[in-house]
Amino acid sequence: MALDPDALDPDALDPDGHAAGSAGPDYHLDVPVALRWGDMDINNHINNVQISRIFEESRVRSFIEWMPDRPRRFSFLVVRHDIEFSAPVHYSPDPVHVRTCIGRVGRSSFVMALRLFDQSGTLCATAETTMVVVDPDTGRPTPIPDDARGLLSARLGEPVRFHTPRPDVAG
């Protein structure tokens, strides 16, 4: 399905904040991630730093799935990563599951929404990662290339809503 170029403009989103032609608010990629015994801390749950690493692994796997042939000249950097913890994650040989999607696409940045569920299906942590696209030669921010914008917009899902309001960071 071809995406309407107007729908890729962040100012041309539908009333729910999704681009026409996107997967919609229910879209997510389910990424299973194995825990390690050494991920636990003295409180007998998975350490918060390890939770951040689980989110990182989920981001990497998401992009491998979404963009197996990464668009030419598409480089990006993490500029912000926020996590809200809602329940402890306890060690189990069964994997946790991280649901990932793109929460918003801006001119030169995009926001990824991530939700970590334990083995029983309890939401344990929610994260939002803002990434800015950079020119690989200069390292300076640059507009998202059209082919990458289309791939990102096709993965739009439900944005993260933290308990504490935050300013809009995608640009």
C-alpha atoms as a PDB file:
ATOM      1  CA  MET A   1       0.000   0.000   0.000  1.00  0.00           C
ATOM      2  CA  ALA A   2       1.427   3.405  -0.961  1.00  0.00           C
ATOM      3  CA  LEU A   3       1.291   6.067   1.722  1.00  0.00           C
ATOM      4  CA  ASP A   4      -0.199   9.431   0.924  1.00  0.00           C
ATOM      5  CA  PRO A   5       2.733  11.915   1.041  1.00  0.00           C
ATOM      6  CA  ASP A   6       0.526  14.406   2.902  1.00  0.00           C
ATOM      7  CA  ALA A   7      -0.093  11.807   5.605  1.00  0.00           C
ATOM      8  CA  LEU A   8       3.650  11.619   6.247  1.00  0.00           C
ATOM      9  CA  ASP A   9       3.757  15.256   7.279  1.00  0.00           C
ATOM     10  CA  PRO A  10       3.453  15.415  11.092  1.00  0.00           C
ATOM     11  CA  ASP A  11       1.003  18.285  10.694  1.00  0.00           C
ATOM     12  CA  ALA A  12      -1.292  16.071   8.561  1.00  0.00           C
ATOM     13  CA  LEU A  13      -2.092  13.404  11.139  1.00  0.00           C
ATOM     14  CA  ASP A  14      -5.603  12.141  11.757  1.00  0.00           C
ATOM     15  CA  PRO A  15      -7.424  13.250  14.958  1.00  0.00           C
ATOM     16  CA  ASP A  16      -5.862  10.352  16.887  1.00  0.00           C
ATOM     17  CA  GLY A  17      -2.334  11.366  15.856  1.00  0.00           C
ATOM     18  CA  HIS A  18      -1.777   8.590  13.299  1.00  0.00           C
ATOM     19  CA  ALA A  19      -0.802   8.943   9.663  1.00  0.00           C
ATOM     20  CA  ALA A  20      -3.276   7.766   7.078  1.00  0.00           C
ATOM     21  CA  GLY A  21      -2.059   4.398   5.875  1.00  0.00           C
ATOM     22  CA  SER A  22      -0.339   3.639   9.190  1.00  0.00           C
ATOM     23  CA  ALA A  23      -0.919   0.395  11.008  1.00  0.00           C
ATOM     24  CA  GLY A  24      -3.128   2.213  13.517  1.00  0.00           C
ATOM     25  CA  PRO A  25      -3.314   2.590  17.279  1.00  0.00           C
ATOM     26  CA  ASP A  26      -3.288  -1.178  17.894  1.00  0.00           C
ATOM     27  CA  TYR A  27      -0.048  -1.794  15.966  1.00  0.00           C
ATOM     28  CA  HIS A  28       2.934  -3.165  17.854  1.00  0.00           C
ATOM     29  CA  LEU A  29       5.791  -5.566  17.301  1.00  0.00           C
ATOM     30  CA  ASP A  30       6.139  -8.155  20.072  1.00  0.00           C
ATOM     31  CA  VAL A  31       9.814  -8.678  20.951  1.00  0.00           C
ATOM     32  CA  PRO A  32      10.600 -11.529  23.390  1.00  0.00           C
ATOM     33  CA  VAL A  33      13.763 -10.902  25.426  1.00  0.00           C
ATOM     34  CA  ALA A  34      15.407 -13.507  27.648  1.00  0.00           C
ATOM     35  CA  LEU A  35      16.414 -12.506  31.153  1.00  0.00           C
ATOM     36  CA  ARG A  36      19.726 -13.454  32.717  1.00  0.00           C
ATOM     37  CA  TRP A  37      20.251 -14.546  36.325  1.00  0.00           C
ATOM     38  CA  GLY A  38      22.905 -11.832  36.637  1.00  0.00           C
ATOM     39  CA  ASP A  39      20.343  -9.125  35.725  1.00  0.00           C
ATOM     40  CA  MET A  40      18.948  -9.276  39.290  1.00  0.00           C
ATOM     41  CA  ASP A  41      19.924  -6.851  42.017  1.00  0.00           C
ATOM     42  CA  ILE A  42      20.019  -7.098  45.800  1.00  0.00           C
ATOM     43  CA  ASN A  43      16.228  -6.585  45.930  1.00  0.00           C
ATOM     44  CA  ASN A  44      15.730  -9.873  44.030  1.00  0.00           C
ATOM     45  CA  HIS A  45      14.246  -8.263  40.934  1.00  0.00           C
ATOM     46  CA  ILE A  46      15.679  -7.260  37.568  1.00  0.00           C
ATOM     47  CA  ASN A  47      17.792  -4.135  38.048  1.00  0.00           C
ATOM     48  CA  ASN A  48      16.505  -0.895  36.512  1.00  0.00           C
ATOM     49  CA  VAL A  49      19.681  -0.496  34.434  1.00  0.00           C
ATOM     50  CA  GLN A  50      19.013  -3.931  32.925  1.00  0.00           C
ATOM     51  CA  ILE A  51      15.460  -2.818  32.078  1.00  0.00           C
ATOM     52  CA  SER A  52      17.002   0.004  30.049  1.00  0.00           C
ATOM     53  CA  ARG A  53      19.166  -2.569  28.253  1.00  0.00           C
ATOM     54  CA  ILE A  54      16.097  -4.723  27.547  1.00  0.00           C
ATOM     55  CA  PHE A  55      14.470  -1.684  25.921  1.00  0.00           C
ATOM     56  CA  GLU A  56      17.664  -1.080  23.915  1.00  0.00           C
ATOM     57  CA  GLU A  57      17.693  -4.693  22.672  1.00  0.00           C
ATOM     58  CA  SER A  58      14.030  -4.353  21.705  1.00  0.00           C
ATOM     59  CA  ARG A  59      14.753  -1.174  19.715  1.00  0.00           C
ATOM     60  CA  VAL A  60      17.564  -2.890  17.831  1.00  0.00           C
ATOM     61  CA  ARG A  61      15.462  -5.964  17.042  1.00  0.00           C
ATOM     62  CA  SER A  62      12.544  -3.782  15.959  1.00  0.00           C
ATOM     63  CA  PHE A  63      14.666  -1.960  13.397  1.00  0.00           C
ATOM     64  CA  ILE A  64      16.089  -5.251  12.115  1.00  0.00           C
ATOM     65  CA  GLU A  65      12.497  -6.425  11.561  1.00  0.00           C
ATOM     66  CA  TRP A  66      11.165  -3.134  10.191  1.00  0.00           C
ATOM     67  CA  MET A  67      14.139  -2.191   8.033  1.00  0.00           C
ATOM     68  CA  PRO A  68      16.115  -5.302   7.027  1.00  0.00           C
ATOM     69  CA  ASP A  69      17.534  -3.260   4.124  1.00  0.00           C
ATOM     70  CA  ARG A  70      18.088  -0.012   5.976  1.00  0.00           C
ATOM     71  CA  PRO A  71      17.414   3.016   3.751  1.00  0.00           C
ATOM     72  CA  ARG A  72      20.517   4.621   2.326  1.00  0.00           C
ATOM     73  CA  ARG A  73      21.949   7.474   4.401  1.00  0.00           C
ATOM     74  CA  PHE A  74      19.583   6.792   7.310  1.00  0.00           C
ATOM     75  CA  SER A  75      21.557   7.294  10.521  1.00  0.00           C
ATOM     76  CA  PHE A  76      20.045   8.292  13.832  1.00  0.00           C
ATOM     77  CA  LEU A  77      21.047   8.895  17.453  1.00  0.00           C
ATOM     78  CA  VAL A  78      19.144   8.522  20.712  1.00  0.00           C
ATOM     79  CA  VAL A  79      18.689  11.988  22.194  1.00  0.00           C
ATOM     80  CA  ARG A  80      16.266  11.142  24.992  1.00  0.00           C
ATOM     81  CA  HIS A  81      15.134   7.988  26.743  1.00  0.00           C
ATOM     82  CA  ASP A  82      12.468   8.081  29.467  1.00  0.00           C
ATOM     83  CA  ILE A  83      11.265   5.105  31.491  1.00  0.00           C
ATOM     84  CA  GLU A  84       8.342   4.847  33.866  1.00  0.00           C
ATOM     85  CA  PHE A  85       8.378   1.764  36.094  1.00  0.00           C
ATOM     86  CA  SER A  86       5.045   0.291  37.197  1.00  0.00           C
ATOM     87  CA  ALA A  87       5.898  -3.170  38.619  1.00  0.00           C
ATOM     88  CA  PRO A  88       9.055  -5.140  39.400  1.00  0.00           C
ATOM     89  CA  VAL A  89      10.305  -7.724  36.916  1.00  0.00           C
ATOM     90  CA  HIS A  90      11.311 -10.991  38.584  1.00  0.00           C
ATOM     91  CA  TYR A  91      13.721 -13.489  37.102  1.00  0.00           C
ATOM     92  CA  SER A  92      12.251 -16.353  35.103  1.00  0.00           C
ATOM     93  CA  PRO A  93      13.669 -18.600  32.398  1.00  0.00           C
ATOM     94  CA  ASP A  94      10.685 -17.479  30.289  1.00  0.00           C
ATOM     95  CA  PRO A  95      11.254 -14.271  28.314  1.00  0.00           C
ATOM     96  CA  VAL A  96       9.681 -10.922  29.013  1.00  0.00           C
ATOM     97  CA  HIS A  97       7.919  -9.275  26.060  1.00  0.00           C
ATOM     98  CA  VAL A  98       8.416  -5.735  24.835  1.00  0.00           C
ATOM     99  CA  ARG A  99       5.784  -4.257  22.547  1.00  0.00           C
ATOM    100  CA  THR A 100       7.315  -1.649  20.277  1.00  0.00           C
ATOM    101  CA  CYS A 101       5.946   0.856  17.789  1.00  0.00           C
ATOM    102  CA  ILE A 102       6.649   4.323  16.482  1.00  0.00           C
ATOM    103  CA  GLY A 103       4.768   6.865  18.576  1.00  0.00           C
ATOM    104  CA  ARG A 104       5.364   9.940  16.428  1.00  0.00           C
ATOM    105  CA  VAL A 105       7.286  11.022  13.344  1.00  0.00           C
ATOM    106  CA  GLY A 106       8.538  14.598  13.091  1.00  0.00           C
ATOM    107  CA  ARG A 107      10.677  16.475  10.570  1.00  0.00           C
ATOM    108  CA  SER A 108      14.088  15.222  11.709  1.00  0.00           C
ATOM    109  CA  SER A 109      13.206  13.095  14.724  1.00  0.00           C
ATOM    110  CA  PHE A 110      10.912  10.265  15.672  1.00  0.00           C
ATOM    111  CA  VAL A 111       9.711   8.759  18.915  1.00  0.00           C
ATOM    112  CA  MET A 112       9.581   5.064  19.679  1.00  0.00           C
ATOM    113  CA  ALA A 113       7.065   3.740  22.230  1.00  0.00           C
ATOM    114  CA  LEU A 114       8.009   0.615  24.203  1.00  0.00           C
ATOM    115  CA  ARG A 115       6.059  -1.371  26.800  1.00  0.00           C
ATOM    116  CA  LEU A 116       7.621  -4.193  28.840  1.00  0.00           C
ATOM    117  CA  PHE A 117       5.390  -7.031  30.060  1.00  0.00           C
ATOM    118  CA  ASP A 118       6.522  -9.787  32.401  1.00  0.00           C
ATOM    119  CA  GLN A 119       5.821 -13.476  31.921  1.00  0.00           C
ATOM    120  CA  SER A 120       2.317 -13.144  33.441  1.00  0.00           C
ATOM    121  CA  GLY A 121       1.367 -10.240  31.145  1.00  0.00           C
ATOM    122  CA  THR A 122       1.759  -7.491  33.756  1.00  0.00           C
ATOM    123  CA  LEU A 123       2.914  -4.136  32.400  1.00  0.00           C
ATOM    124  CA  CYS A 124       6.148  -3.485  34.301  1.00  0.00           C
ATOM    125  CA  ALA A 125       7.717  -0.525  32.517  1.00  0.00           C
ATOM    126  CA  THR A 126       6.944   1.924  29.743  1.00  0.00           C
ATOM    127  CA  ALA A 127       9.580   3.778  27.750  1.00  0.00           C
ATOM    128  CA  GLU A 128       9.751   6.486  25.155  1.00  0.00           C
ATOM    129  CA  THR A 129      12.894   6.968  23.105  1.00  0.00           C
ATOM    130  CA  THR A 130      13.405  10.051  20.945  1.00  0.00           C
ATOM    131  CA  MET A 131      15.838   9.650  18.068  1.00  0.00           C
ATOM    132  CA  VAL A 132      17.135  12.321  15.732  1.00  0.00           C
ATOM    133  CA  VAL A 133      18.222  11.588  12.175  1.00  0.00           C
ATOM    134  CA  VAL A 134      21.719  12.829  11.384  1.00  0.00           C
ATOM    135  CA  ASP A 135      23.696  13.321   8.207  1.00  0.00           C
ATOM    136  CA  PRO A 136      26.297  10.512   8.289  1.00  0.00           C
ATOM    137  CA  ASP A 137      28.985  12.843   6.891  1.00  0.00           C
ATOM    138  CA  THR A 138      28.497  15.813   9.218  1.00  0.00           C
ATOM    139  CA  GLY A 139      26.741  14.308  12.240  1.00  0.00           C
ATOM    140  CA  ARG A 140      24.259  17.208  12.114  1.00  0.00           C
ATOM    141  CA  PRO A 141      20.463  16.763  12.299  1.00  0.00           C
ATOM    142  CA  THR A 142      18.802  16.376   8.919  1.00  0.00           C
ATOM    143  CA  PRO A 143      15.241  15.757   7.707  1.00  0.00           C
ATOM    144  CA  ILE A 144      14.102  12.134   7.710  1.00  0.00           C
ATOM    145  CA  PRO A 145      14.546  10.724   4.164  1.00  0.00           C
ATOM    146  CA  ASP A 146      11.244  10.001   2.405  1.00  0.00           C
ATOM    147  CA  ASP A 147      11.822   6.232   2.191  1.00  0.00           C
ATOM    148  CA  ALA A 148      12.646   6.030   5.915  1.00  0.00           C
ATOM    149  CA  ARG A 149       9.684   8.301   6.754  1.00  0.00           C
ATOM    150  CA  GLY A 150       7.377   5.885   4.950  1.00  0.00           C
ATOM    151  CA  LEU A 151       8.792   2.889   6.820  1.00  0.00           C
ATOM    152  CA  LEU A 152       8.492   4.669  10.180  1.00  0.00           C
ATOM    153  CA  SER A 153       4.981   5.969   9.486  1.00  0.00           C
ATOM    154  CA  ALA A 154       3.822   2.462   8.590  1.00  0.00           C
ATOM    155  CA  ARG A 155       4.740   1.410  12.174  1.00  0.00           C
ATOM    156  CA  LEU A 156       2.814   4.162  13.963  1.00  0.00           C
ATOM    157  CA  GLY A 157       0.983   2.835  16.990  1.00  0.00           C
ATOM    158  CA  GLU A 158      -0.180   4.084  20.358  1.00  0.00           C
ATOM    159  CA  PRO A 159       2.145   6.763  21.751  1.00  0.00           C
ATOM    160  CA  VAL A 160       3.343   6.487  25.345  1.00  0.00           C
ATOM    161  CA  ARG A 161       1.341   8.390  27.919  1.00  0.00           C
ATOM    162  CA  PHE A 162       3.306   8.823  31.133  1.00  0.00           C
ATOM    163  CA  HIS A 163       1.613   9.657  34.399  1.00  0.00           C
ATOM    164  CA  THR A 164       3.544  12.939  34.567  1.00  0.00           C
ATOM    165  CA  PRO A 165       2.875  15.279  31.615  1.00  0.00           C
ATOM    166  CA  ARG A 166       5.905  16.078  29.436  1.00  0.00           C
ATOM    167  CA  PRO A 167       6.548  18.672  26.770  1.00  0.00           C
ATOM    168  CA  ASP A 168       6.309  17.593  23.134  1.00  0.00           C
ATOM    169  CA  VAL A 169       9.836  16.528  22.101  1.00  0.00           C
ATOM    170  CA  ALA A 170       9.481  15.317  18.495  1.00  0.00           C
ATOM    171  CA  GLY A 171      10.376  17.937  15.937  1.00  0.00           C
END
